[in-house]
Protein backbone atom coordinates (compact mmCIF):
# COMPACT_ATOMS: atom_id res chain seq x y z
CA MET A 1 -38.51 -222.99 -189.77
CA LYS A 2 -36.36 -221.22 -192.37
CA CYS A 3 -38.68 -218.23 -192.27
CA SER A 4 -38.62 -218.13 -188.50
CA ALA A 5 -34.83 -218.31 -188.45
CA LEU A 6 -34.59 -215.49 -191.01
CA SER A 7 -36.97 -213.33 -188.98
CA SER A 8 -34.94 -213.92 -185.83
CA ALA A 9 -31.72 -213.03 -187.63
CA LEU A 10 -33.27 -209.82 -189.02
CA ALA A 11 -34.60 -208.88 -185.60
CA LEU A 12 -31.13 -209.37 -184.12
CA LEU A 13 -29.55 -207.31 -186.91
CA LEU A 14 -31.95 -204.43 -186.33
CA LEU A 15 -31.35 -204.59 -182.60
CA VAL A 16 -27.61 -204.27 -183.10
CA PHE A 17 -27.85 -201.78 -185.99
CA PRO A 18 -31.02 -199.73 -185.36
CA ALA A 19 -30.08 -197.24 -188.08
CA PHE A 20 -31.34 -199.83 -190.56
CA LEU A 21 -34.86 -199.07 -189.35
CA PRO A 22 -36.31 -196.30 -191.59
CA SER A 23 -39.01 -195.49 -189.05
CA ILE A 24 -36.51 -194.34 -186.42
CA SER A 25 -34.06 -192.46 -188.64
CA ARG A 26 -33.24 -188.98 -187.32
CA ALA A 27 -32.62 -185.74 -189.19
CA GLN A 28 -29.00 -184.66 -189.14
CA PHE A 29 -27.98 -181.21 -187.88
CA GLU A 30 -26.01 -179.40 -190.56
CA ALA A 31 -24.29 -176.02 -190.75
CA GLY A 32 -22.47 -174.06 -193.42
CA PHE A 33 -20.55 -170.78 -193.45
CA SER A 34 -19.24 -168.51 -196.17
CA GLN A 35 -17.88 -165.02 -196.73
CA VAL A 36 -17.64 -162.96 -199.89
CA ASP A 37 -15.63 -159.78 -200.47
CA ILE A 38 -17.86 -156.81 -201.38
CA THR A 39 -15.20 -154.07 -201.18
CA PRO A 40 -15.67 -151.46 -203.93
CA GLN A 41 -13.54 -152.06 -207.02
CA GLU A 42 -14.23 -148.71 -208.67
CA TRP A 43 -13.73 -145.22 -207.18
CA PRO A 44 -14.64 -142.75 -205.87
CA VAL A 45 -17.46 -143.95 -203.67
CA THR A 46 -19.16 -141.92 -200.98
CA LEU A 47 -19.35 -142.90 -197.32
CA ARG A 48 -22.94 -142.41 -196.18
CA GLY A 49 -22.70 -142.67 -192.38
CA SER A 50 -22.87 -138.96 -191.51
CA PHE A 51 -24.71 -135.73 -192.22
CA ASN A 52 -21.99 -134.81 -194.72
CA PRO A 53 -21.25 -137.72 -197.09
CA LYS A 54 -17.53 -138.09 -197.77
CA PRO A 55 -15.99 -139.30 -201.05
CA THR A 56 -13.19 -141.84 -200.76
CA GLU A 57 -10.86 -143.60 -203.17
CA SER A 58 -9.35 -146.46 -201.16
CA ALA A 59 -10.11 -149.17 -198.62
CA HIS A 60 -8.36 -149.54 -195.28
CA ASP A 61 -9.69 -153.09 -194.86
CA PRO A 62 -12.16 -155.25 -196.79
CA LEU A 63 -15.93 -155.17 -196.61
CA ARG A 64 -17.58 -158.58 -196.59
CA SER A 65 -20.91 -160.36 -196.57
CA ARG A 66 -20.80 -163.31 -194.15
CA SER A 67 -23.46 -166.01 -193.98
CA PHE A 68 -24.26 -168.81 -191.54
CA ALA A 69 -26.78 -171.49 -192.59
CA ILE A 70 -28.22 -174.24 -190.39
CA GLN A 71 -30.59 -177.11 -191.06
CA ASN A 72 -32.10 -179.91 -188.99
CA GLY A 73 -34.76 -181.87 -190.81
CA GLU A 74 -37.41 -179.48 -192.06
CA GLY A 75 -36.20 -176.64 -189.84
CA ARG A 76 -33.64 -174.26 -191.30
CA ALA A 77 -32.41 -170.68 -191.13
CA ILE A 78 -29.68 -168.49 -192.52
CA LEU A 79 -28.11 -165.46 -190.81
CA THR A 80 -26.22 -163.00 -193.00
CA VAL A 81 -24.20 -160.07 -191.65
CA VAL A 82 -23.06 -157.43 -194.15
CA ASP A 83 -20.44 -154.73 -193.63
CA ASN A 84 -22.87 -151.90 -194.32
CA LEU A 85 -25.15 -149.50 -192.46
CA TYR A 86 -28.73 -148.97 -193.64
CA MET A 87 -29.93 -151.49 -196.21
CA PRO A 88 -33.43 -150.84 -197.59
CA GLN A 89 -36.06 -153.48 -196.91
CA ASP A 90 -37.13 -153.71 -200.54
CA LEU A 91 -33.54 -154.31 -201.63
CA LEU A 92 -33.11 -157.10 -199.08
CA ASP A 93 -36.42 -158.60 -200.18
CA GLU A 94 -35.02 -158.72 -203.74
CA ILE A 95 -31.87 -160.43 -202.50
CA LYS A 96 -33.90 -163.02 -200.57
CA ALA A 97 -36.08 -163.69 -203.60
CA GLU A 98 -32.98 -164.30 -205.72
CA VAL A 99 -31.54 -166.69 -203.10
CA ALA A 100 -34.91 -168.47 -202.89
CA ASP A 101 -34.91 -168.98 -206.67
CA ARG A 102 -31.41 -170.46 -206.56
CA THR A 103 -31.73 -172.65 -203.46
CA GLY A 104 -35.40 -173.39 -202.81
CA TRP A 105 -35.20 -171.86 -199.31
CA ASP A 106 -38.07 -169.68 -198.18
CA PRO A 107 -37.33 -165.94 -197.74
CA THR A 108 -38.86 -166.07 -194.24
CA GLU A 109 -35.97 -168.37 -193.27
CA MET A 110 -33.45 -165.64 -194.12
CA LEU A 111 -32.25 -162.79 -191.87
CA ILE A 112 -29.91 -160.17 -193.35
CA SER A 113 -28.46 -157.44 -191.13
CA GLY A 114 -25.95 -154.62 -191.41
CA THR A 115 -23.01 -154.43 -189.04
CA HIS A 116 -23.35 -150.67 -188.44
CA THR A 117 -20.07 -149.53 -189.95
CA HIS A 118 -20.21 -145.86 -190.94
CA SER A 119 -17.32 -146.37 -193.35
CA ALA A 120 -19.14 -148.11 -196.19
CA PRO A 121 -20.86 -146.80 -199.33
CA SER A 122 -24.61 -146.79 -199.70
CA SER A 123 -26.15 -150.07 -200.84
CA SER A 124 -28.97 -148.15 -202.53
CA GLY A 125 -29.73 -144.59 -203.47
CA SER A 126 -30.33 -142.47 -206.49
CA SER A 127 -26.71 -141.67 -207.43
CA ASP A 128 -25.90 -142.53 -211.04
CA GLN A 129 -22.19 -142.00 -210.49
CA PRO A 130 -20.56 -145.03 -212.23
CA ALA A 131 -18.51 -146.20 -209.26
CA GLU A 132 -21.54 -146.15 -206.96
CA VAL A 133 -23.72 -147.95 -209.50
CA ALA A 134 -20.98 -150.57 -209.78
CA TYR A 135 -20.76 -150.90 -206.02
CA ARG A 136 -24.50 -151.48 -205.63
CA LYS A 137 -24.28 -154.34 -208.13
CA ARG A 138 -21.25 -155.77 -206.35
CA PHE A 139 -23.13 -155.51 -203.05
CA PHE A 140 -26.23 -157.29 -204.39
CA ASP A 141 -24.28 -160.05 -206.11
CA GLY A 142 -21.95 -160.53 -203.14
CA VAL A 143 -24.69 -160.89 -200.56
CA VAL A 144 -26.55 -163.36 -202.76
CA GLU A 145 -23.35 -165.34 -203.35
CA SER A 146 -22.50 -165.52 -199.64
CA MET A 147 -25.95 -166.87 -198.81
CA GLU A 148 -25.96 -169.37 -201.66
CA LYS A 149 -22.48 -170.62 -200.73
CA ALA A 150 -23.37 -171.05 -197.05
CA ILE A 151 -26.38 -173.16 -198.00
CA GLY A 152 -24.23 -175.13 -200.43
CA ALA A 153 -21.66 -175.75 -197.68
CA LEU A 154 -24.13 -177.43 -195.30
CA ALA A 155 -22.49 -180.42 -193.65
CA PRO A 156 -22.89 -182.42 -190.42
CA ALA A 157 -22.05 -180.21 -187.45
CA LYS A 158 -22.61 -179.49 -183.77
CA ILE A 159 -23.65 -176.20 -182.18
CA GLY A 160 -23.25 -174.53 -178.80
CA PHE A 161 -24.35 -171.27 -177.17
CA GLY A 162 -22.65 -169.07 -174.59
CA SER A 163 -22.10 -165.53 -173.38
CA ASP A 164 -19.64 -163.37 -171.51
CA GLU A 165 -19.44 -159.63 -170.83
CA GLU A 166 -17.31 -156.72 -171.98
CA PRO A 167 -18.60 -153.67 -170.05
CA SER A 168 -15.56 -151.42 -170.45
CA GLU A 169 -16.28 -150.40 -174.06
CA VAL A 170 -20.00 -149.55 -173.93
CA PHE A 171 -21.35 -146.17 -172.80
CA ASN A 172 -24.84 -144.74 -172.93
CA ARG A 173 -24.47 -141.59 -175.00
CA ARG A 174 -27.65 -139.81 -173.84
CA TRP A 175 -27.01 -137.55 -170.85
CA TYR A 176 -28.79 -135.20 -168.49
CA LEU A 177 -26.88 -131.93 -168.31
CA LYS A 178 -26.22 -129.31 -165.68
CA GLU A 179 -29.04 -126.84 -165.29
CA GLY A 180 -29.08 -124.12 -167.93
CA SER A 181 -26.52 -125.79 -170.20
CA MET A 182 -28.84 -127.53 -172.70
CA PRO A 183 -28.46 -126.06 -176.22
CA PRO A 184 -31.50 -125.72 -178.50
CA ASN A 185 -32.35 -128.65 -180.75
CA PRO A 186 -32.64 -128.20 -184.56
CA PHE A 187 -36.32 -127.26 -184.19
CA GLY A 188 -35.65 -124.41 -181.78
CA GLY A 189 -36.88 -126.24 -178.67
CA TYR A 190 -35.05 -127.73 -175.70
CA ASP A 191 -34.62 -131.41 -174.88
CA LYS A 192 -34.13 -132.93 -171.43
CA VAL A 193 -31.13 -135.00 -172.53
CA LYS A 194 -28.39 -134.63 -175.11
CA MET A 195 -26.37 -137.08 -177.20
CA ASN A 196 -22.59 -136.90 -176.74
CA PRO A 197 -22.46 -133.65 -174.74
CA PRO A 198 -19.30 -131.89 -173.51
CA ARG A 199 -17.88 -133.82 -170.57
CA ASN A 200 -17.84 -130.78 -168.29
CA LEU A 201 -21.64 -130.47 -168.57
CA ILE A 202 -22.77 -134.04 -167.83
CA LEU A 203 -24.75 -135.12 -164.77
CA LYS A 204 -25.88 -138.71 -165.39
CA PRO A 205 -26.68 -141.01 -168.32
CA ALA A 206 -30.30 -141.30 -169.42
CA GLY A 207 -30.21 -145.08 -169.80
CA PRO A 208 -28.29 -148.31 -169.17
CA THR A 209 -25.90 -150.37 -171.30
CA ASP A 210 -25.86 -154.06 -172.26
CA PRO A 211 -22.35 -155.54 -171.91
CA GLU A 212 -23.25 -159.08 -173.05
CA VAL A 213 -21.23 -160.73 -175.81
CA ALA A 214 -23.52 -163.55 -176.96
CA VAL A 215 -22.04 -166.31 -179.12
CA ILE A 216 -23.16 -169.22 -181.26
CA ALA A 217 -20.22 -171.54 -181.92
CA VAL A 218 -20.21 -174.36 -184.47
CA VAL A 219 -17.84 -177.30 -184.91
CA ASP A 220 -17.88 -180.01 -187.52
CA SER A 221 -18.50 -183.71 -186.84
CA ARG A 222 -14.83 -184.12 -185.82
CA ASN A 223 -15.00 -181.16 -183.39
CA ARG A 224 -12.96 -178.86 -185.64
CA PRO A 225 -14.01 -175.16 -185.52
CA LEU A 226 -16.38 -174.34 -188.35
CA GLY A 227 -17.69 -170.88 -187.52
CA LEU A 228 -18.67 -168.31 -184.91
CA PHE A 229 -21.65 -165.95 -184.78
CA ALA A 230 -21.51 -163.21 -182.12
CA ASN A 231 -23.61 -160.24 -181.01
CA TYR A 232 -22.68 -157.05 -179.10
CA ALA A 233 -24.67 -153.89 -178.38
CA LEU A 234 -22.27 -151.17 -179.50
CA HIS A 235 -22.41 -148.58 -182.29
CA TYR A 236 -19.50 -148.29 -184.72
CA VAL A 237 -16.18 -147.01 -183.26
CA GLY A 238 -14.85 -144.88 -186.11
CA ALA A 239 -11.59 -142.93 -186.47
CA VAL A 240 -10.68 -144.77 -189.66
CA PRO A 241 -7.58 -143.11 -191.18
CA GLY A 242 -7.97 -140.99 -194.26
CA ARG A 243 -11.72 -141.38 -194.68
CA GLN A 244 -11.20 -144.83 -196.12
CA VAL A 245 -13.70 -147.61 -196.59
CA SER A 246 -13.60 -149.89 -193.54
CA ALA A 247 -15.62 -152.59 -191.80
CA ASP A 248 -14.82 -150.88 -188.48
CA TYR A 249 -14.49 -153.10 -185.38
CA PHE A 250 -16.87 -155.68 -186.83
CA GLY A 251 -14.37 -156.64 -189.53
CA GLU A 252 -11.44 -156.53 -187.11
CA PHE A 253 -13.39 -158.78 -184.72
CA ALA A 254 -13.84 -161.30 -187.51
CA ARG A 255 -10.11 -161.26 -188.27
CA LEU A 256 -9.01 -161.64 -184.64
CA ALA A 257 -11.69 -164.17 -183.71
CA THR A 258 -10.64 -166.38 -186.60
CA THR A 259 -7.20 -166.77 -185.02
CA LYS A 260 -8.60 -167.20 -181.51
CA PHE A 261 -11.00 -169.96 -182.52
CA ALA A 262 -9.42 -171.61 -185.53
CA GLY A 263 -5.68 -171.09 -184.94
CA ARG A 264 -3.03 -169.31 -186.96
CA ASN A 265 -3.71 -171.43 -190.02
CA PRO A 266 -7.51 -171.65 -190.13
CA SER A 267 -9.26 -173.60 -192.83
CA GLU A 268 -10.71 -171.57 -195.67
CA THR A 269 -14.18 -172.57 -194.55
CA PHE A 270 -13.98 -171.03 -191.04
CA VAL A 271 -15.93 -167.78 -190.70
CA ALA A 272 -16.32 -165.48 -187.68
CA MET A 273 -19.00 -162.79 -187.77
CA LEU A 274 -20.28 -160.10 -185.39
CA SER A 275 -23.84 -158.76 -185.51
CA ASN A 276 -24.96 -155.48 -183.96
CA GLY A 277 -27.23 -155.61 -180.91
CA ALA A 278 -29.54 -152.98 -179.39
CA SER A 279 -27.03 -150.14 -179.64
CA GLY A 280 -29.11 -147.15 -180.73
CA ASP A 281 -27.98 -145.12 -177.69
CA ILE A 282 -24.72 -146.96 -176.99
CA ASN A 283 -21.34 -145.85 -178.29
CA ASN A 284 -17.64 -146.03 -177.47
CA ILE A 285 -17.01 -142.54 -176.08
CA ASP A 286 -15.49 -142.64 -172.60
CA PHE A 287 -17.35 -139.75 -170.95
CA ALA A 288 -15.21 -140.03 -167.82
CA GLY A 289 -12.25 -139.00 -169.97
CA ASN A 290 -9.92 -141.73 -168.71
CA ARG A 291 -8.85 -143.01 -172.12
CA PRO A 292 -5.47 -141.93 -173.56
CA PRO A 293 -5.37 -140.46 -177.07
CA ARG A 294 -5.53 -143.07 -179.82
CA ALA A 295 -3.91 -143.31 -183.24
CA PRO A 296 -6.26 -143.80 -186.21
CA PHE A 297 -7.79 -147.30 -186.13
CA GLU A 298 -6.18 -148.05 -182.74
CA GLN A 299 -9.44 -147.87 -180.82
CA ILE A 300 -11.13 -150.14 -183.37
CA ARG A 301 -8.43 -152.73 -182.66
CA GLN A 302 -8.81 -152.26 -178.90
CA VAL A 303 -12.57 -152.86 -179.00
CA ALA A 304 -12.28 -155.79 -181.41
CA THR A 305 -9.64 -157.41 -179.20
CA LYS A 306 -11.74 -157.10 -176.05
CA VAL A 307 -14.95 -158.31 -177.70
CA SER A 308 -13.22 -161.25 -179.37
CA ASP A 309 -11.59 -162.12 -176.03
CA ALA A 310 -15.03 -162.13 -174.39
CA ALA A 311 -16.36 -164.33 -177.22
CA TRP A 312 -13.47 -166.74 -176.64
CA ARG A 313 -14.22 -166.87 -172.90
CA ALA A 314 -17.89 -167.54 -173.70
CA THR A 315 -16.98 -170.72 -175.56
CA ARG A 316 -14.67 -172.31 -172.99
CA ASP A 317 -17.22 -174.70 -171.49
CA LEU A 318 -19.79 -175.03 -174.25
CA GLU A 319 -21.83 -178.15 -174.66
CA TYR A 320 -22.19 -178.87 -178.37
CA LYS A 321 -25.42 -180.49 -179.52
CA THR A 322 -27.09 -181.75 -182.67
CA ASP A 323 -30.65 -182.56 -181.61
CA LEU A 324 -31.99 -179.00 -181.64
CA PRO A 325 -35.23 -177.82 -183.25
CA ILE A 326 -34.90 -174.96 -185.72
CA ALA A 327 -37.85 -172.75 -186.63
CA THR A 328 -38.47 -169.22 -187.92
CA ARG A 329 -41.25 -166.66 -187.83
CA GLU A 330 -41.65 -163.44 -189.81
CA ARG A 331 -44.36 -160.79 -189.58
CA ARG A 332 -44.94 -157.64 -191.60
CA ILE A 333 -46.16 -154.98 -189.17
CA VAL A 334 -47.83 -151.74 -190.22
CA LEU A 335 -46.71 -148.77 -188.10
CA GLN A 336 -47.84 -145.17 -188.18
CA THR A 337 -45.38 -142.85 -189.85
CA ARG A 338 -44.42 -139.76 -187.85
CA LYS A 339 -45.65 -136.75 -189.75
CA PRO A 340 -44.70 -133.10 -189.26
CA THR A 341 -47.35 -130.51 -188.56
CA ALA A 342 -48.27 -127.88 -191.13
CA GLU A 343 -46.44 -125.32 -188.99
CA GLN A 344 -43.27 -127.45 -189.00
CA VAL A 345 -43.43 -127.85 -192.77
CA GLU A 346 -43.84 -124.10 -193.19
CA GLN A 347 -40.91 -123.37 -190.89
CA ALA A 348 -38.75 -125.92 -192.72
CA GLY A 349 -39.46 -124.17 -196.01
CA LYS A 350 -38.46 -120.83 -194.54
CA LEU A 351 -35.21 -122.27 -193.20
CA LEU A 352 -34.23 -123.62 -196.58
CA ASP A 353 -34.84 -120.19 -198.14
CA MET A 354 -32.38 -118.53 -195.75
CA THR A 355 -28.98 -117.31 -196.82
CA ALA A 356 -25.82 -118.89 -195.43
CA GLU A 357 -25.39 -115.86 -193.18
CA GLU A 358 -28.95 -116.11 -191.85
CA LEU A 359 -28.50 -119.82 -191.12
CA LYS A 360 -25.61 -119.04 -188.75
CA ALA A 361 -28.16 -117.71 -186.26
CA GLN A 362 -30.19 -120.93 -186.37
CA PRO A 363 -29.64 -123.99 -184.15
CA ARG A 364 -27.06 -126.55 -185.24
CA LEU A 365 -28.37 -128.97 -187.92
CA ALA A 366 -31.48 -126.85 -188.47
CA SER A 367 -31.19 -127.01 -192.27
CA HIS A 368 -30.51 -130.78 -192.24
CA TYR A 369 -33.68 -131.43 -190.29
CA ALA A 370 -35.65 -129.01 -192.41
CA LEU A 371 -34.90 -131.31 -195.35
CA ARG A 372 -35.90 -134.35 -193.33
CA ILE A 373 -39.19 -132.75 -192.29
CA LEU A 374 -40.10 -132.01 -195.89
CA ALA A 375 -39.20 -135.58 -196.86
CA LEU A 376 -41.34 -137.02 -194.05
CA ALA A 377 -44.26 -134.86 -195.08
CA LYS A 378 -44.30 -136.67 -198.44
CA ARG A 379 -44.13 -140.18 -197.01
CA PRO A 380 -47.20 -142.43 -196.74
CA GLU A 381 -49.22 -142.36 -193.53
CA THR A 382 -48.04 -145.86 -192.62
CA THR A 383 -44.80 -147.83 -192.82
CA GLU A 384 -44.64 -151.61 -193.17
CA VAL A 385 -41.65 -153.25 -191.49
CA ALA A 386 -40.44 -156.85 -191.39
CA ILE A 387 -39.66 -158.36 -187.99
CA GLN A 388 -38.28 -161.84 -187.41
CA ALA A 389 -37.77 -164.48 -184.73
CA ILE A 390 -35.62 -167.59 -185.00
CA ARG A 391 -35.34 -170.56 -182.67
CA ILE A 392 -32.29 -172.82 -182.43
CA GLY A 393 -33.03 -175.09 -179.48
CA ASP A 394 -33.09 -172.87 -176.38
CA GLN A 395 -31.44 -169.97 -178.24
CA ALA A 396 -33.75 -167.32 -179.68
CA ILE A 397 -32.78 -164.59 -182.14
CA VAL A 398 -34.95 -161.60 -182.97
CA GLY A 399 -34.41 -159.04 -185.70
CA LEU A 400 -35.68 -155.45 -185.94
CA PRO A 401 -35.05 -153.11 -188.91
CA PHE A 402 -34.04 -150.14 -186.74
CA GLU A 403 -31.24 -148.71 -184.66
CA VAL A 404 -32.80 -150.10 -181.50
CA LEU A 405 -32.23 -148.36 -178.16
CA VAL A 406 -30.69 -150.61 -175.54
CA GLU A 407 -33.66 -150.76 -173.13
CA ILE A 408 -35.77 -152.45 -175.81
CA GLY A 409 -33.19 -155.20 -176.18
CA LEU A 410 -32.86 -155.67 -172.42
CA ASP A 411 -36.66 -155.83 -172.07
CA LEU A 412 -36.94 -158.51 -174.77
CA LYS A 413 -34.21 -160.59 -173.15
CA LYS A 414 -35.96 -160.34 -169.78
CA LYS A 415 -39.43 -161.25 -171.07
CA SER A 416 -38.44 -163.87 -173.64
CA PRO A 417 -39.63 -167.44 -172.91
CA PHE A 418 -36.19 -168.70 -173.99
CA PRO A 419 -33.17 -169.00 -171.67
CA ARG A 420 -31.05 -167.16 -174.25
CA THR A 421 -32.23 -164.38 -176.52
CA LEU A 422 -30.21 -161.98 -178.63
CA LEU A 423 -31.47 -159.02 -180.68
CA ILE A 424 -30.04 -158.01 -184.03
CA SER A 425 -30.49 -154.37 -185.03
CA MET A 426 -30.82 -153.18 -188.65
CA ALA A 427 -32.10 -156.62 -189.62
CA ASN A 428 -34.03 -156.97 -192.89
CA GLY A 429 -34.16 -153.22 -193.47
CA GLY A 430 -33.35 -149.79 -192.09
CA PHE A 431 -36.02 -147.38 -190.86
CA GLY A 432 -34.09 -145.07 -188.52
CA TYR A 433 -34.04 -145.10 -184.73
CA LEU A 434 -36.43 -146.97 -182.42
CA PRO A 435 -36.65 -145.45 -178.91
CA PRO A 436 -39.04 -146.62 -176.17
CA PRO A 437 -41.84 -144.14 -175.28
CA HIS A 438 -40.21 -142.86 -172.08
CA GLN A 439 -37.08 -141.88 -174.03
CA HIS A 440 -39.29 -139.94 -176.44
CA GLU A 441 -40.40 -137.90 -173.44
CA LEU A 442 -36.78 -136.86 -172.86
CA GLY A 443 -36.12 -135.78 -176.44
CA GLY A 444 -32.62 -135.87 -177.87
CA TYR A 445 -31.16 -136.85 -181.24
CA GLU A 446 -32.47 -140.42 -181.28
CA THR A 447 -36.06 -139.19 -180.87
CA TRP A 448 -36.03 -136.23 -183.26
CA LEU A 449 -38.52 -136.07 -186.10
CA GLY A 450 -36.55 -137.34 -189.08
CA THR A 451 -34.19 -139.46 -186.99
CA CYS A 452 -37.06 -141.54 -185.65
CA LYS A 453 -39.56 -141.97 -188.46
CA VAL A 454 -42.28 -144.07 -186.85
CA ALA A 455 -44.86 -143.34 -184.14
CA GLU A 456 -43.73 -143.03 -180.53
CA ASP A 457 -45.48 -146.24 -179.43
CA SER A 458 -43.85 -148.35 -182.17
CA SER A 459 -41.40 -150.09 -179.85
CA VAL A 460 -44.30 -151.23 -177.65
CA ILE A 461 -46.14 -152.67 -180.66
CA LEU A 462 -43.06 -154.43 -182.01
CA THR A 463 -42.01 -155.86 -178.65
CA LYS A 464 -45.50 -157.31 -178.18
CA GLU A 465 -45.39 -158.89 -181.64
CA LEU A 466 -41.93 -160.37 -181.11
CA LEU A 467 -42.88 -161.86 -177.74
CA GLU A 468 -45.92 -163.47 -179.35
CA MET A 469 -43.71 -164.92 -182.07
CA LEU A 470 -41.24 -166.24 -179.48
CA GLY A 471 -44.14 -167.80 -177.61
CA GLU A 472 -45.25 -169.59 -180.77
CA LEU A 473 -41.74 -170.90 -181.37
CA LYS A 474 -41.38 -172.03 -177.78
CA ASN A 475 -44.69 -173.94 -177.79
CA GLU A 476 -44.25 -175.47 -181.22
CA LYS A 477 -43.54 -179.19 -181.04
CA PRO A 478 -40.28 -180.20 -182.74
């Protein structure tokens, strides 16, 4: 009788407090954010985002590495966004290996992308100038620290997904021109479209835009704002005063969004971050010419304000959840490297032997692309690139290590098996531009040999691989 009574009491206790049952315990959704300053501390450093690198000795605003880690049972992922442009794949692999050693997380669970600012020093390179060597170390250590801290900050949280649009600040920069007005390209031929042409020559853009501002918002267990991850398909804005180091509108977005989401006195743990979408042919030039003149940095603030406003609107009616599966996939894909012909190599050599006076008669940027042709000629026949897919419930994230043209991103969103999909450009490496085949047929800067370094069908191959990976994630049982 005593045993029976004890059993009944235990059964009643477990009925009232089911958490006592080990067999039905659930994994807890956790999230953690961090940001680490990676602004150069020694000068001068050289800004790398142009054909003519520019030395600089001050910072207009800080550069940061921002990380967002999530975990739900065995599923986990970390998204890191760095205020930088091209970051070599092998360097990012080293960073991931270091983080793996410190945390036990698998490198395939890590996605590191560059914002796209053109006002940051190179994270790699051959320069032995002391300030640049020091910056590369600061970059490496800072990115590792931000990832390690985000993982260390994991705590119970809730997550929601939303989107809004900001169409007024995105413009396709590839244009058809009036008949007879196309200038020669650097190789002496003629393209069908031109990047950023004079306004008086334009007929129509050669592609669409993507105005979506996609957001992932996170609150803690008491519904206090913890962090915000956003995505927008727009190049850098530029016009930073005095050739200073700057995070461009990505950093300004983070500053403004922090106030919008976390109030005027946010906690030290709140982090807002903006990743770069499929913006390879999308910039902020108003080709209709309706925009008034701007002071230095003013347009950066305008864009950041509008994008952060759209992000705020996207979170107004979010449903925050905790019971979401998290899973990642990574593949290393071998692509054919674009190689110049023997005739192109010979012509490039002749160009580089010309005097400054002789070069004046050549097309604009001819000598720059002569150097790129000779460099491509020495590259291996194939290029291995890392691509990635992440699932957070019904939200999918894909990463490509290129400046991805907008139609590729729109196509992936349309064909994805997930209700929400966002694409992060310059993720896990930087291999130049990635146009779809029909844009190759039109020519233009984004397709030139040396700007685009992989075969013309590469976007088709990579889209197919990513859709397969998304299919695997969708069909995988939580």
